[in-house]
Amino acid sequence: MASSNQVTWFEILGKDGGSLQKFYGDLFGWKIDAANPMNYGMVEGKDGGIGGGITGAQDGQPQVTVYVSVDDLQSTLDKAKSLGGEVVMPPMEVPNGPKIAQFRDPQGNLIGIMKPMAL
């Protein structure tokens, strides 16, 4: 079955993941669970919304990324490149999670793609 290419995840990164988690939790009332070895703050998608993550960036630079669900990461990266995009992160498997990759569009926006985990 083909994916519907919907935005299925978001990430908000910054200099201090803990303070960002507190900010967005206080602002929107989000329950953010960062009880994992990477302190990656997981936000549950509810009421038609999508889930996401809030954490510190490796380089400390602020960044917001959306992830689009696709059936084939490499073919999507290849197509993005053929349309003027730039591959930033080749396909990788998130431990206990989905496979993801990232590219920049021709204007420089970072976009993530995700192959959902098999059930």
PDB file of N, CA and C in Angstrom:
ATOM      1  N   MET A   1       0.843  -1.174   0.000  1.00  0.00           N
ATOM      2  CA  MET A   1       0.000   0.000   0.000  1.00  0.00           C
ATOM      3  C   MET A   1       0.893   1.243   0.000  1.00  0.00           C
ATOM      4  N   ALA A   2       0.620   2.171  -0.865  1.00  0.00           N
ATOM      5  CA  ALA A   2       1.423   3.394  -0.971  1.00  0.00           C
ATOM      6  C   ALA A   2       1.115   4.336   0.185  1.00  0.00           C
ATOM      7  N   SER A   3       2.147   5.021   0.645  1.00  0.00           N
ATOM      8  CA  SER A   3       1.953   6.014   1.700  1.00  0.00           C
ATOM      9  C   SER A   3       1.241   7.219   1.106  1.00  0.00           C
ATOM     10  N   SER A   4       0.639   8.000   1.953  1.00  0.00           N
ATOM     11  CA  SER A   4      -0.107   9.162   1.463  1.00  0.00           C
ATOM     12  C   SER A   4       0.737  10.426   1.451  1.00  0.00           C
ATOM     13  N   ASN A   5       2.048  10.302   1.732  1.00  0.00           N
ATOM     14  CA  ASN A   5       2.965  11.442   1.721  1.00  0.00           C
ATOM     15  C   ASN A   5       2.471  12.594   2.584  1.00  0.00           C
ATOM     16  N   GLN A   6       1.994  12.261   3.766  1.00  0.00           N
ATOM     17  CA  GLN A   6       1.542  13.250   4.728  1.00  0.00           C
ATOM     18  C   GLN A   6       2.678  13.639   5.668  1.00  0.00           C
ATOM     19  N   VAL A   7       2.624  14.859   6.197  1.00  0.00           N
ATOM     20  CA  VAL A   7       3.552  15.245   7.258  1.00  0.00           C
ATOM     21  C   VAL A   7       3.172  14.415   8.479  1.00  0.00           C
ATOM     22  N   THR A   8       4.123  13.644   8.995  1.00  0.00           N
ATOM     23  CA  THR A   8       3.825  12.719  10.080  1.00  0.00           C
ATOM     24  C   THR A   8       4.633  12.964  11.349  1.00  0.00           C
ATOM     25  N   TRP A   9       5.568  13.905  11.328  1.00  0.00           N
ATOM     26  CA  TRP A   9       6.423  14.145  12.504  1.00  0.00           C
ATOM     27  C   TRP A   9       7.016  15.533  12.379  1.00  0.00           C
ATOM     28  N   PHE A  10       7.359  16.140  13.490  1.00  0.00           N
ATOM     29  CA  PHE A  10       8.086  17.404  13.483  1.00  0.00           C
ATOM     30  C   PHE A  10       9.211  17.321  14.493  1.00  0.00           C
ATOM     31  N   GLU A  11      10.214  18.161  14.312  1.00  0.00           N
ATOM     32  CA  GLU A  11      11.277  18.313  15.297  1.00  0.00           C
ATOM     33  C   GLU A  11      11.540  19.789  15.504  1.00  0.00           C
ATOM     34  N   ILE A  12      11.743  20.146  16.755  1.00  0.00           N
ATOM     35  CA  ILE A  12      12.160  21.497  17.116  1.00  0.00           C
ATOM     36  C   ILE A  12      13.474  21.346  17.860  1.00  0.00           C
ATOM     37  N   LEU A  13      14.544  21.904  17.301  1.00  0.00           N
ATOM     38  CA  LEU A  13      15.882  21.781  17.876  1.00  0.00           C
ATOM     39  C   LEU A  13      16.403  23.151  18.288  1.00  0.00           C
ATOM     40  N   GLY A  14      17.258  23.166  19.269  1.00  0.00           N
ATOM     41  CA  GLY A  14      17.858  24.424  19.691  1.00  0.00           C
ATOM     42  C   GLY A  14      19.059  24.188  20.578  1.00  0.00           C
ATOM     43  N   LYS A  15      19.549  25.270  21.157  1.00  0.00           N
ATOM     44  CA  LYS A  15      20.758  25.232  21.976  1.00  0.00           C
ATOM     45  C   LYS A  15      20.563  24.400  23.240  1.00  0.00           C
ATOM     46  N   ASP A  16      19.391  24.505  23.888  1.00  0.00           N
ATOM     47  CA  ASP A  16      19.127  23.837  25.157  1.00  0.00           C
ATOM     48  C   ASP A  16      17.806  23.090  25.051  1.00  0.00           C
ATOM     49  N   GLY A  17      17.902  21.776  24.811  1.00  0.00           N
ATOM     50  CA  GLY A  17      16.698  20.963  24.633  1.00  0.00           C
ATOM     51  C   GLY A  17      15.761  21.016  25.822  1.00  0.00           C
ATOM     52  N   GLY A  18      16.300  20.958  27.028  1.00  0.00           N
ATOM     53  CA  GLY A  18      15.463  20.976  28.229  1.00  0.00           C
ATOM     54  C   GLY A  18      14.640  22.244  28.352  1.00  0.00           C
ATOM     55  N   SER A  19      15.253  23.391  28.064  1.00  0.00           N
ATOM     56  CA  SER A  19      14.500  24.644  28.166  1.00  0.00           C
ATOM     57  C   SER A  19      13.462  24.751  27.051  1.00  0.00           C
ATOM     58  N   LEU A  20      13.779  24.221  25.858  1.00  0.00           N
ATOM     59  CA  LEU A  20      12.773  24.203  24.788  1.00  0.00           C
ATOM     60  C   LEU A  20      11.596  23.306  25.156  1.00  0.00           C
ATOM     61  N   GLN A  21      11.894  22.159  25.761  1.00  0.00           N
ATOM     62  CA  GLN A  21      10.827  21.257  26.181  1.00  0.00           C
ATOM     63  C   GLN A  21       9.922  21.944  27.202  1.00  0.00           C
ATOM     64  N   LYS A  22      10.514  22.658  28.145  1.00  0.00           N
ATOM     65  CA  LYS A  22       9.719  23.373  29.143  1.00  0.00           C
ATOM     66  C   LYS A  22       8.901  24.473  28.478  1.00  0.00           C
ATOM     67  N   PHE A  23       9.515  25.245  27.584  1.00  0.00           N
ATOM     68  CA  PHE A  23       8.823  26.329  26.901  1.00  0.00           C
ATOM     69  C   PHE A  23       7.580  25.824  26.170  1.00  0.00           C
ATOM     70  N   TYR A  24       7.754  24.804  25.305  1.00  0.00           N
ATOM     71  CA  TYR A  24       6.626  24.321  24.517  1.00  0.00           C
ATOM     72  C   TYR A  24       5.604  23.577  25.379  1.00  0.00           C
ATOM     73  N   GLY A  25       6.072  22.900  26.415  1.00  0.00           N
ATOM     74  CA  GLY A  25       5.146  22.257  27.345  1.00  0.00           C
ATOM     75  C   GLY A  25       4.274  23.288  28.045  1.00  0.00           C
ATOM     76  N   ASP A  26       4.913  24.363  28.541  1.00  0.00           N
ATOM     77  CA  ASP A  26       4.167  25.428  29.218  1.00  0.00           C
ATOM     78  C   ASP A  26       3.273  26.192  28.251  1.00  0.00           C
ATOM     79  N   LEU A  27       3.783  26.481  27.062  1.00  0.00           N
ATOM     80  CA  LEU A  27       3.034  27.270  26.086  1.00  0.00           C
ATOM     81  C   LEU A  27       1.785  26.555  25.589  1.00  0.00           C
ATOM     82  N   PHE A  28       1.928  25.296  25.175  1.00  0.00           N
ATOM     83  CA  PHE A  28       0.825  24.579  24.540  1.00  0.00           C
ATOM     84  C   PHE A  28       0.201  23.501  25.416  1.00  0.00           C
ATOM     85  N   GLY A  29       0.756  23.279  26.609  1.00  0.00           N
ATOM     86  CA  GLY A  29       0.237  22.228  27.468  1.00  0.00           C
ATOM     87  C   GLY A  29       0.596  20.835  26.972  1.00  0.00           C
ATOM     88  N   TRP A  30       1.656  20.737  26.152  1.00  0.00           N
ATOM     89  CA  TRP A  30       2.081  19.446  25.626  1.00  0.00           C
ATOM     90  C   TRP A  30       2.717  18.621  26.727  1.00  0.00           C
ATOM     91  N   LYS A  31       2.376  17.334  26.787  1.00  0.00           N
ATOM     92  CA  LYS A  31       3.070  16.399  27.671  1.00  0.00           C
ATOM     93  C   LYS A  31       4.289  15.927  26.894  1.00  0.00           C
ATOM     94  N   ILE A  32       5.476  16.226  27.388  1.00  0.00           N
ATOM     95  CA  ILE A  32       6.718  15.914  26.700  1.00  0.00           C
ATOM     96  C   ILE A  32       7.494  14.909  27.534  1.00  0.00           C
ATOM     97  N   ASP A  33       7.739  13.747  26.943  1.00  0.00           N
ATOM     98  CA  ASP A  33       8.432  12.669  27.636  1.00  0.00           C
ATOM     99  C   ASP A  33       9.870  12.577  27.138  1.00  0.00           C
ATOM    100  N   ALA A  34      10.812  13.002  27.976  1.00  0.00           N
ATOM    101  CA  ALA A  34      12.228  12.948  27.619  1.00  0.00           C
ATOM    102  C   ALA A  34      12.969  11.888  28.441  1.00  0.00           C
ATOM    103  N   ALA A  35      12.223  10.922  28.953  1.00  0.00           N
ATOM    104  CA  ALA A  35      12.822   9.874  29.780  1.00  0.00           C
ATOM    105  C   ALA A  35      13.440   8.795  28.891  1.00  0.00           C
ATOM    106  N   ASN A  36      14.520   9.160  28.222  1.00  0.00           N
ATOM    107  CA  ASN A  36      15.258   8.226  27.377  1.00  0.00           C
ATOM    108  C   ASN A  36      16.725   8.658  27.400  1.00  0.00           C
ATOM    109  N   PRO A  37      17.626   7.782  26.990  1.00  0.00           N
ATOM    110  CA  PRO A  37      19.062   8.103  27.106  1.00  0.00           C
ATOM    111  C   PRO A  37      19.495   9.365  26.351  1.00  0.00           C
ATOM    112  N   MET A  38      18.771   9.749  25.312  1.00  0.00           N
ATOM    113  CA  MET A  38      19.158  10.927  24.538  1.00  0.00           C
ATOM    114  C   MET A  38      18.430  12.196  24.993  1.00  0.00           C
ATOM    115  N   ASN A  39      17.556  12.088  26.007  1.00  0.00           N
ATOM    116  CA  ASN A  39      16.742  13.222  26.471  1.00  0.00           C
ATOM    117  C   ASN A  39      15.947  13.849  25.331  1.00  0.00           C
ATOM    118  N   TYR A  40      15.549  13.003  24.374  1.00  0.00           N
ATOM    119  CA  TYR A  40      14.757  13.455  23.228  1.00  0.00           C
ATOM    120  C   TYR A  40      13.312  13.571  23.699  1.00  0.00           C
ATOM    121  N   GLY A  41      12.803  14.781  23.714  1.00  0.00           N
ATOM    122  CA  GLY A  41      11.453  15.024  24.218  1.00  0.00           C
ATOM    123  C   GLY A  41      10.389  14.624  23.214  1.00  0.00           C
ATOM    124  N   MET A  42       9.696  13.540  23.483  1.00  0.00           N
ATOM    125  CA  MET A  42       8.661  13.025  22.585  1.00  0.00           C
ATOM    126  C   MET A  42       7.324  13.691  22.912  1.00  0.00           C
ATOM    127  N   VAL A  43       6.694  14.214  21.862  1.00  0.00           N
ATOM    128  CA  VAL A  43       5.387  14.840  21.978  1.00  0.00           C
ATOM    129  C   VAL A  43       4.392  13.931  21.273  1.00  0.00           C
ATOM    130  N   GLU A  44       3.368  13.500  21.994  1.00  0.00           N
ATOM    131  CA  GLU A  44       2.373  12.605  21.419  1.00  0.00           C
ATOM    132  C   GLU A  44       1.400  13.380  20.542  1.00  0.00           C
ATOM    133  N   GLY A  45       1.105  12.835  19.372  1.00  0.00           N
ATOM    134  CA  GLY A  45       0.098  13.438  18.508  1.00  0.00           C
ATOM    135  C   GLY A  45      -1.280  13.078  19.029  1.00  0.00           C
ATOM    136  N   LYS A  46      -2.143  14.057  19.193  1.00  0.00           N
ATOM    137  CA  LYS A  46      -3.495  13.823  19.714  1.00  0.00           C
ATOM    138  C   LYS A  46      -4.505  14.602  18.887  1.00  0.00           C
ATOM    139  N   ASP A  47      -5.728  14.138  18.924  1.00  0.00           N
ATOM    140  CA  ASP A  47      -6.848  14.862  18.320  1.00  0.00           C
ATOM    141  C   ASP A  47      -6.568  15.301  16.887  1.00  0.00           C
ATOM    142  N   GLY A  48      -5.987  14.403  16.086  1.00  0.00           N
ATOM    143  CA  GLY A  48      -5.718  14.714  14.691  1.00  0.00           C
ATOM    144  C   GLY A  48      -4.382  15.384  14.444  1.00  0.00           C
ATOM    145  N   GLY A  49      -3.653  15.723  15.514  1.00  0.00           N
ATOM    146  CA  GLY A  49      -2.342  16.344  15.360  1.00  0.00           C
ATOM    147  C   GLY A  49      -1.271  15.288  15.158  1.00  0.00           C
ATOM    148  N   ILE A  50      -0.083  15.725  14.794  1.00  0.00           N
ATOM    149  CA  ILE A  50       1.030  14.798  14.605  1.00  0.00           C
ATOM    150  C   ILE A  50       1.948  14.842  15.816  1.00  0.00           C
ATOM    151  N   GLY A  51       2.672  13.773  16.036  1.00  0.00           N
ATOM    152  CA  GLY A  51       3.656  13.731  17.096  1.00  0.00           C
ATOM    153  C   GLY A  51       4.939  14.397  16.643  1.00  0.00           C
ATOM    154  N   GLY A  52       5.839  14.600  17.618  1.00  0.00           N
ATOM    155  CA  GLY A  52       7.092  15.228  17.277  1.00  0.00           C
ATOM    156  C   GLY A  52       8.110  15.081  18.380  1.00  0.00           C
ATOM    157  N   GLY A  53       9.223  15.763  18.194  1.00  0.00           N
ATOM    158  CA  GLY A  53      10.298  15.716  19.156  1.00  0.00           C
ATOM    159  C   GLY A  53      10.899  17.088  19.374  1.00  0.00           C
ATOM    160  N   ILE A  54      11.327  17.336  20.614  1.00  0.00           N
ATOM    161  CA  ILE A  54      11.966  18.595  20.979  1.00  0.00           C
ATOM    162  C   ILE A  54      13.252  18.237  21.714  1.00  0.00           C
ATOM    163  N   THR A  55      14.378  18.771  21.215  1.00  0.00           N
ATOM    164  CA  THR A  55      15.659  18.388  21.800  1.00  0.00           C
ATOM    165  C   THR A  55      16.727  19.427  21.479  1.00  0.00           C
ATOM    166  N   GLY A  56      17.893  19.230  22.038  1.00  0.00           N
ATOM    167  CA  GLY A  56      19.027  20.080  21.721  1.00  0.00           C
ATOM    168  C   GLY A  56      19.630  19.690  20.381  1.00  0.00           C
ATOM    169  N   ALA A  57      20.102  20.665  19.652  1.00  0.00           N
ATOM    170  CA  ALA A  57      20.747  20.416  18.361  1.00  0.00           C
ATOM    171  C   ALA A  57      22.220  20.103  18.585  1.00  0.00           C
ATOM    172  N   GLN A  58      22.769  19.195  17.794  1.00  0.00           N
ATOM    173  CA  GLN A  58      24.183  18.843  17.936  1.00  0.00           C
ATOM    174  C   GLN A  58      25.082  20.058  17.736  1.00  0.00           C
ATOM    175  N   ASP A  59      24.689  20.934  16.810  1.00  0.00           N
ATOM    176  CA  ASP A  59      25.504  22.128  16.562  1.00  0.00           C
ATOM    177  C   ASP A  59      24.993  23.354  17.318  1.00  0.00           C
ATOM    178  N   GLY A  60      23.927  23.175  18.112  1.00  0.00           N
ATOM    179  CA  GLY A  60      23.379  24.275  18.899  1.00  0.00           C
ATOM    180  C   GLY A  60      22.531  25.261  18.127  1.00  0.00           C
ATOM    181  N   GLN A  61      22.383  25.057  16.832  1.00  0.00           N
ATOM    182  CA  GLN A  61      21.621  26.000  16.007  1.00  0.00           C
ATOM    183  C   GLN A  61      20.130  25.658  16.019  1.00  0.00           C
ATOM    184  N   PRO A  62      19.263  26.664  16.120  1.00  0.00           N
ATOM    185  CA  PRO A  62      17.823  26.412  16.099  1.00  0.00           C
ATOM    186  C   PRO A  62      17.383  25.909  14.723  1.00  0.00           C
ATOM    187  N   GLN A  63      16.391  25.045  14.740  1.00  0.00           N
ATOM    188  CA  GLN A  63      15.925  24.451  13.488  1.00  0.00           C
ATOM    189  C   GLN A  63      14.565  23.804  13.714  1.00  0.00           C
ATOM    190  N   VAL A  64      13.672  23.947  12.761  1.00  0.00           N
ATOM    191  CA  VAL A  64      12.401  23.234  12.766  1.00  0.00           C
ATOM    192  C   VAL A  64      12.363  22.395  11.494  1.00  0.00           C
ATOM    193  N   THR A  65      12.042  21.128  11.647  1.00  0.00           N
ATOM    194  CA  THR A  65      11.993  20.212  10.510  1.00  0.00           C
ATOM    195  C   THR A  65      10.672  19.464  10.536  1.00  0.00           C
ATOM    196  N   VAL A  66      10.049  19.317   9.371  1.00  0.00           N
ATOM    197  CA  VAL A  66       8.883  18.442   9.250  1.00  0.00           C
ATOM    198  C   VAL A  66       9.336  17.169   8.543  1.00  0.00           C
ATOM    199  N   TYR A  67       8.691  16.071   8.861  1.00  0.00           N
ATOM    200  CA  TYR A  67       8.980  14.780   8.236  1.00  0.00           C
ATOM    201  C   TYR A  67       7.756  14.323   7.457  1.00  0.00           C
ATOM    202  N   VAL A  68       7.989  13.921   6.218  1.00  0.00           N
ATOM    203  CA  VAL A  68       6.925  13.436   5.340  1.00  0.00           C
ATOM    204  C   VAL A  68       7.080  11.926   5.203  1.00  0.00           C
ATOM    205  N   SER A  69       5.983  11.209   5.346  1.00  0.00           N
ATOM    206  CA  SER A  69       5.977   9.765   5.211  1.00  0.00           C
ATOM    207  C   SER A  69       6.088   9.377   3.735  1.00  0.00           C
ATOM    208  N   VAL A  70       7.057   8.516   3.407  1.00  0.00           N
ATOM    209  CA  VAL A  70       7.248   8.042   2.029  1.00  0.00           C
ATOM    210  C   VAL A  70       7.460   6.531   2.047  1.00  0.00           C
ATOM    211  N   ASP A  71       7.238   5.898   0.896  1.00  0.00           N
ATOM    212  CA  ASP A  71       7.425   4.456   0.782  1.00  0.00           C
ATOM    213  C   ASP A  71       8.879   4.067   0.577  1.00  0.00           C
ATOM    214  N   ASP A  72       9.673   4.912  -0.092  1.00  0.00           N
ATOM    215  CA  ASP A  72      11.050   4.569  -0.437  1.00  0.00           C
ATOM    216  C   ASP A  72      11.945   5.785  -0.216  1.00  0.00           C
ATOM    217  N   LEU A  73      12.753   5.728   0.825  1.00  0.00           N
ATOM    218  CA  LEU A  73      13.606   6.863   1.172  1.00  0.00           C
ATOM    219  C   LEU A  73      14.590   7.205   0.057  1.00  0.00           C
ATOM    220  N   GLN A  74      15.315   6.203  -0.454  1.00  0.00           N
ATOM    221  CA  GLN A  74      16.359   6.491  -1.437  1.00  0.00           C
ATOM    222  C   GLN A  74      15.774   7.045  -2.731  1.00  0.00           C
ATOM    223  N   SER A  75      14.674   6.493  -3.208  1.00  0.00           N
ATOM    224  CA  SER A  75      14.110   7.015  -4.459  1.00  0.00           C
ATOM    225  C   SER A  75      13.583   8.433  -4.265  1.00  0.00           C
ATOM    226  N   THR A  76      13.090   8.738  -3.066  1.00  0.00           N
ATOM    227  CA  THR A  76      12.633  10.103  -2.792  1.00  0.00           C
ATOM    228  C   THR A  76      13.824  11.056  -2.755  1.00  0.00           C
ATOM    229  N   LEU A  77      14.934  10.642  -2.123  1.00  0.00           N
ATOM    230  CA  LEU A  77      16.142  11.469  -2.116  1.00  0.00           C
ATOM    231  C   LEU A  77      16.658  11.683  -3.539  1.00  0.00           C
ATOM    232  N   ASP A  78      16.655  10.615  -4.330  1.00  0.00           N
ATOM    233  CA  ASP A  78      17.112  10.724  -5.723  1.00  0.00           C
ATOM    234  C   ASP A  78      16.254  11.715  -6.495  1.00  0.00           C
ATOM    235  N   LYS A  79      14.943  11.659  -6.296  1.00  0.00           N
ATOM    236  CA  LYS A  79      14.038  12.574  -6.995  1.00  0.00           C
ATOM    237  C   LYS A  79      14.265  14.005  -6.521  1.00  0.00           C
ATOM    238  N   ALA A  80      14.417  14.192  -5.205  1.00  0.00           N
ATOM    239  CA  ALA A  80      14.671  15.535  -4.674  1.00  0.00           C
ATOM    240  C   ALA A  80      15.944  16.111  -5.298  1.00  0.00           C
ATOM    241  N   LYS A  81      16.985  15.275  -5.396  1.00  0.00           N
ATOM    242  CA  LYS A  81      18.254  15.718  -5.980  1.00  0.00           C
ATOM    243  C   LYS A  81      18.073  16.084  -7.454  1.00  0.00           C
ATOM    244  N   SER A  82      17.297  15.292  -8.173  1.00  0.00           N
ATOM    245  CA  SER A  82      17.070  15.573  -9.598  1.00  0.00           C
ATOM    246  C   SER A  82      16.281  16.863  -9.807  1.00  0.00           C
ATOM    247  N   LEU A  83      15.549  17.268  -8.779  1.00  0.00           N
ATOM    248  CA  LEU A  83      14.750  18.503  -8.852  1.00  0.00           C
ATOM    249  C   LEU A  83      15.483  19.710  -8.276  1.00  0.00           C
ATOM    250  N   GLY A  84      16.759  19.536  -7.935  1.00  0.00           N
ATOM    251  CA  GLY A  84      17.547  20.655  -7.435  1.00  0.00           C
ATOM    252  C   GLY A  84      17.789  20.647  -5.944  1.00  0.00           C
ATOM    253  N   GLY A  85      17.329  19.601  -5.245  1.00  0.00           N
ATOM    254  CA  GLY A  85      17.567  19.498  -3.813  1.00  0.00           C
ATOM    255  C   GLY A  85      18.944  18.930  -3.520  1.00  0.00           C
ATOM    256  N   GLU A  86      19.300  18.915  -2.243  1.00  0.00           N
ATOM    257  CA  GLU A  86      20.605  18.417  -1.797  1.00  0.00           C
ATOM    258  C   GLU A  86      20.402  17.421  -0.663  1.00  0.00           C
ATOM    259  N   VAL A  87      20.962  16.235  -0.780  1.00  0.00           N
ATOM    260  CA  VAL A  87      20.863  15.234   0.277  1.00  0.00           C
ATOM    261  C   VAL A  87      21.713  15.686   1.457  1.00  0.00           C
ATOM    262  N   VAL A  88      21.125  15.729   2.635  1.00  0.00           N
ATOM    263  CA  VAL A  88      21.812  16.138   3.858  1.00  0.00           C
ATOM    264  C   VAL A  88      22.145  14.921   4.717  1.00  0.00           C
ATOM    265  N   MET A  89      21.206  13.978   4.797  1.00  0.00           N
ATOM    266  CA  MET A  89      21.413  12.766   5.600  1.00  0.00           C
ATOM    267  C   MET A  89      20.854  11.581   4.818  1.00  0.00           C
ATOM    268  N   PRO A  90      21.710  10.613   4.476  1.00  0.00           N
ATOM    269  CA  PRO A  90      21.217   9.437   3.765  1.00  0.00           C
ATOM    270  C   PRO A  90      20.327   8.605   4.698  1.00  0.00           C
ATOM    271  N   PRO A  91      19.630   7.635   4.153  1.00  0.00           N
ATOM    272  CA  PRO A  91      18.755   6.810   5.006  1.00  0.00           C
ATOM    273  C   PRO A  91      19.506   6.205   6.188  1.00  0.00           C
ATOM    274  N   MET A  92      18.867   6.288   7.337  1.00  0.00           N
ATOM    275  CA  MET A  92      19.412   5.680   8.555  1.00  0.00           C
ATOM    276  C   MET A  92      18.252   5.153   9.380  1.00  0.00           C
ATOM    277  N   GLU A  93      18.543   4.161  10.188  1.00  0.00           N
ATOM    278  CA  GLU A  93      17.522   3.590  11.049  1.00  0.00           C
ATOM    279  C   GLU A  93      17.647   4.201  12.437  1.00  0.00           C
ATOM    280  N   VAL A  94      16.551   4.734  12.954  1.00  0.00           N
ATOM    281  CA  VAL A  94      16.510   5.252  14.312  1.00  0.00           C
ATOM    282  C   VAL A  94      16.381   4.043  15.240  1.00  0.00           C
ATOM    283  N   PRO A  95      17.222   3.943  16.291  1.00  0.00           N
ATOM    284  CA  PRO A  95      17.090   2.808  17.202  1.00  0.00           C
ATOM    285  C   PRO A  95      15.668   2.698  17.745  1.00  0.00           C
ATOM    286  N   ASN A  96      15.076   1.531  17.595  1.00  0.00           N
ATOM    287  CA  ASN A  96      13.691   1.279  18.027  1.00  0.00           C
ATOM    288  C   ASN A  96      12.692   2.201  17.350  1.00  0.00           C
ATOM    289  N   GLY A  97      13.010   2.677  16.164  1.00  0.00           N
ATOM    290  CA  GLY A  97      12.124   3.617  15.474  1.00  0.00           C
ATOM    291  C   GLY A  97      12.112   3.393  13.978  1.00  0.00           C
ATOM    292  N   PRO A  98      11.665   4.397  13.269  1.00  0.00           N
ATOM    293  CA  PRO A  98      11.546   4.285  11.808  1.00  0.00           C
ATOM    294  C   PRO A  98      12.882   4.533  11.113  1.00  0.00           C
ATOM    295  N   LYS A  99      12.894   4.417   9.805  1.00  0.00           N
ATOM    296  CA  LYS A  99      14.032   4.821   8.987  1.00  0.00           C
ATOM    297  C   LYS A  99      13.761   6.243   8.520  1.00  0.00           C
ATOM    298  N   ILE A 100      14.803   7.085   8.552  1.00  0.00           N
ATOM    299  CA  ILE A 100      14.640   8.483   8.177  1.00  0.00           C
ATOM    300  C   ILE A 100      15.783   8.932   7.266  1.00  0.00           C
ATOM    301  N   ALA A 101      15.584  10.057   6.608  1.00  0.00           N
ATOM    302  CA  ALA A 101      16.608  10.708   5.795  1.00  0.00           C
ATOM    303  C   ALA A 101      16.233  12.186   5.737  1.00  0.00           C
ATOM    304  N   GLN A 102      17.159  13.025   5.254  1.00  0.00           N
ATOM    305  CA  GLN A 102      16.876  14.461   5.148  1.00  0.00           C
ATOM    306  C   GLN A 102      17.491  15.026   3.882  1.00  0.00           C
ATOM    307  N   PHE A 103      16.846  16.071   3.371  1.00  0.00           N
ATOM    308  CA  PHE A 103      17.374  16.810   2.232  1.00  0.00           C
ATOM    309  C   PHE A 103      17.045  18.286   2.410  1.00  0.00           C
ATOM    310  N   ARG A 104      17.755  19.130   1.671  1.00  0.00           N
ATOM    311  CA  ARG A 104      17.425  20.553   1.601  1.00  0.00           C
ATOM    312  C   ARG A 104      16.766  20.794   0.257  1.00  0.00           C
ATOM    313  N   ASP A 105      15.690  21.571   0.276  1.00  0.00           N
ATOM    314  CA  ASP A 105      15.039  21.923  -0.978  1.00  0.00           C
ATOM    315  C   ASP A 105      15.887  22.976  -1.694  1.00  0.00           C
ATOM    316  N   PRO A 106      15.535  23.351  -2.926  1.00  0.00           N
ATOM    317  CA  PRO A 106      16.368  24.319  -3.656  1.00  0.00           C
ATOM    318  C   PRO A 106      16.495  25.680  -2.976  1.00  0.00           C
ATOM    319  N   GLN A 107      15.603  26.001  -2.035  1.00  0.00           N
ATOM    320  CA  GLN A 107      15.671  27.265  -1.299  1.00  0.00           C
ATOM    321  C   GLN A 107      16.426  27.128   0.021  1.00  0.00           C
ATOM    322  N   GLY A 108      16.856  25.901   0.371  1.00  0.00           N
ATOM    323  CA  GLY A 108      17.644  25.696   1.580  1.00  0.00           C
ATOM    324  C   GLY A 108      16.878  25.179   2.783  1.00  0.00           C
ATOM    325  N   ASN A 109      15.571  24.933   2.646  1.00  0.00           N
ATOM    326  CA  ASN A 109      14.791  24.400   3.761  1.00  0.00           C
ATOM    327  C   ASN A 109      15.115  22.935   3.995  1.00  0.00           C
ATOM    328  N   LEU A 110      15.300  22.557   5.265  1.00  0.00           N
ATOM    329  CA  LEU A 110      15.579  21.175   5.622  1.00  0.00           C
ATOM    330  C   LEU A 110      14.258  20.419   5.732  1.00  0.00           C
ATOM    331  N   ILE A 111      14.152  19.307   5.014  1.00  0.00           N
ATOM    332  CA  ILE A 111      12.950  18.480   5.030  1.00  0.00           C
ATOM    333  C   ILE A 111      13.364  17.058   5.372  1.00  0.00           C
ATOM    334  N   GLY A 112      12.623  16.437   6.278  1.00  0.00           N
ATOM    335  CA  GLY A 112      12.867  15.043   6.620  1.00  0.00           C
ATOM    336  C   GLY A 112      11.875  14.149   5.913  1.00  0.00           C
ATOM    337  N   ILE A 113      12.306  12.941   5.619  1.00  0.00           N
ATOM    338  CA  ILE A 113      11.401  11.926   5.101  1.00  0.00           C
ATOM    339  C   ILE A 113      11.513  10.706   5.997  1.00  0.00           C
ATOM    340  N   MET A 114      10.423   9.957   6.117  1.00  0.00           N
ATOM    341  CA  MET A 114      10.346   8.869   7.070  1.00  0.00           C
ATOM    342  C   MET A 114       9.626   7.699   6.436  1.00  0.00           C
ATOM    343  N   LYS A 115      10.208   6.521   6.594  1.00  0.00           N
ATOM    344  CA  LYS A 115       9.511   5.300   6.214  1.00  0.00           C
ATOM    345  C   LYS A 115       8.968   4.713   7.497  1.00  0.00           C
ATOM    346  N   PRO A 116       7.634   4.666   7.626  1.00  0.00           N
ATOM    347  CA  PRO A 116       7.045   4.175   8.876  1.00  0.00           C
ATOM    348  C   PRO A 116       7.505   2.759   9.195  1.00  0.00           C
ATOM    349  N   MET A 117       7.519   2.444  10.470  1.00  0.00           N
ATOM    350  CA  MET A 117       7.906   1.112  10.923  1.00  0.00           C
ATOM    351  C   MET A 117       6.837   0.118  10.500  1.00  0.00           C
ATOM    352  N   ALA A 118       7.264  -1.083  10.136  1.00  0.00           N
ATOM    353  CA  ALA A 118       6.309  -2.147   9.825  1.00  0.00           C
ATOM    354  C   ALA A 118       5.643  -2.597  11.108  1.00  0.00           C
ATOM    355  N   LEU A 119       4.366  -2.828  11.008  1.00  0.00           N
ATOM    356  CA  LEU A 119       3.636  -3.271  12.204  1.00  0.00           C
ATOM    357  C   LEU A 119       3.714  -4.750  12.386  1.00  0.00           C
TER     358      LEU A 119
END
